[in-house]
Amino acid sequence: MRRPLLCLAATMLMVWIGFRLSADEPRAPQNLIQQAANVETVTKPPVIRKSKKRERSGQVAGKALPYPVFGIDEVLDHLTKAGAKLHKAGKTKGDVELRKQLDRRTCELTLPTATDDPIADRDLYLRACESVFIVCSLYKNESHGEWQTSLATAFAVTEDGVLTTSCHVFDNEDSADAIVVMDAKKNVYPVTELLAANKLTDTCLFRIDAKNLKPLPLAEDAVPGAHVRVVAHPGDSFYFFSSGHVANYERDSDSILWMNVTADFGQGSSGGPVFNEQGHVIGQVSRTFTLYAGGSETRGRPRRVAGDIKPTDKKATEKKATAEEFMDPQMVFKSCVPVQSIRALVKPKP
């Protein structure tokens, strides 16, 4: 009888001792527990939410970029509104008036000095964006009263507002009511005067009413194989950078010298600068020629067709004949004005 009672008493004693030991264990204060919870919350990976705010041109998530970023409609709307305002104020000139000055052969200018230090593609692009302009010819559509645009490229050669572009920007069959230019900061200036031009070499120097521009130095002609870069506005893609090499030089039927390059460009690039390794201008974008191998008229010889020639659509028979002539396109020649043709327009100041 005593043995079971002793066993029961021993069991109760052990349970009481275990309870006391657990009650005497040190416990973390409530504030430490809360701090640990807070630390765990902070170290969780943050949730990234996309901003619903519409990004402005030249900005990403509200952060300004060091280079221009434009939308097509944004540029056309801005050029149209600013150009129309200048035209209404009587500050613009159209093609008809400016073409009267195409017979000017030279002008006196002081050009910036070139250096020998090479420049990387990225740095060249940022520098070029400060000197390259968009040229916009504005046409008033009389039927519905809206403005239409035609775009090209130009770049500054002096600080006091002298730019260069292709002569065919002004010398064409169109009749623009106003011609303006816009820089990368969206400043719009009217073309006020043609200073010198040469139709055969497709070169033209003109003036805008602007100061403190950043002109691009003119270098000497580059040899075939030399690395080149182009910044222009092909197909409404503004401040487009491409690179390649000088492919060769050749003369046309008028004995005019042309430079072919492998850097890419297209419609809207006319007048754009072609750069060398030092970031100086060795040429100016002019035109493209597509090489066709097909068609009965080739007789085994390829044909070059200028980019502005388009198939006629007057008659079905003409359509068919033209389609045959434009069979088998093989390559596109990128033809540029060598820098010596730009220099020929400049008479150094005494």
Foldseek 3Di string as FASTA:
>chain_A
DVVVVVVVVVVVVVVVVVVVVVVPDDDDDPVVVVVVVVVVVVPPDDDDDDDPDDDDWCDDPNHHHLATGDDLVRLVVLCQVVFVVCVVVVNFAKLVVQVVQAVAAADADDFDDADDDFDDPVVLLSLQLLFKKKKWFWAQDPVVRGIDIAIAIWGAGDQQFKIKFFQVVRPDDDIGRGMWIAGSVGDIWGFDHWNHHDNVLRMTITGTRHGRGDHAGADEADAWPFKKKWFWQAPNNHRDIWIFTFHHWDADPVRAIKIWTPTDGHRNHTHIFIQGRRSHGFWTFHWKWWWAQFAPVCVRHIDTDTPVDDQDDPDPVSNVRVVRVRPHTDDMTGITRGSVVVCSRYDYDD
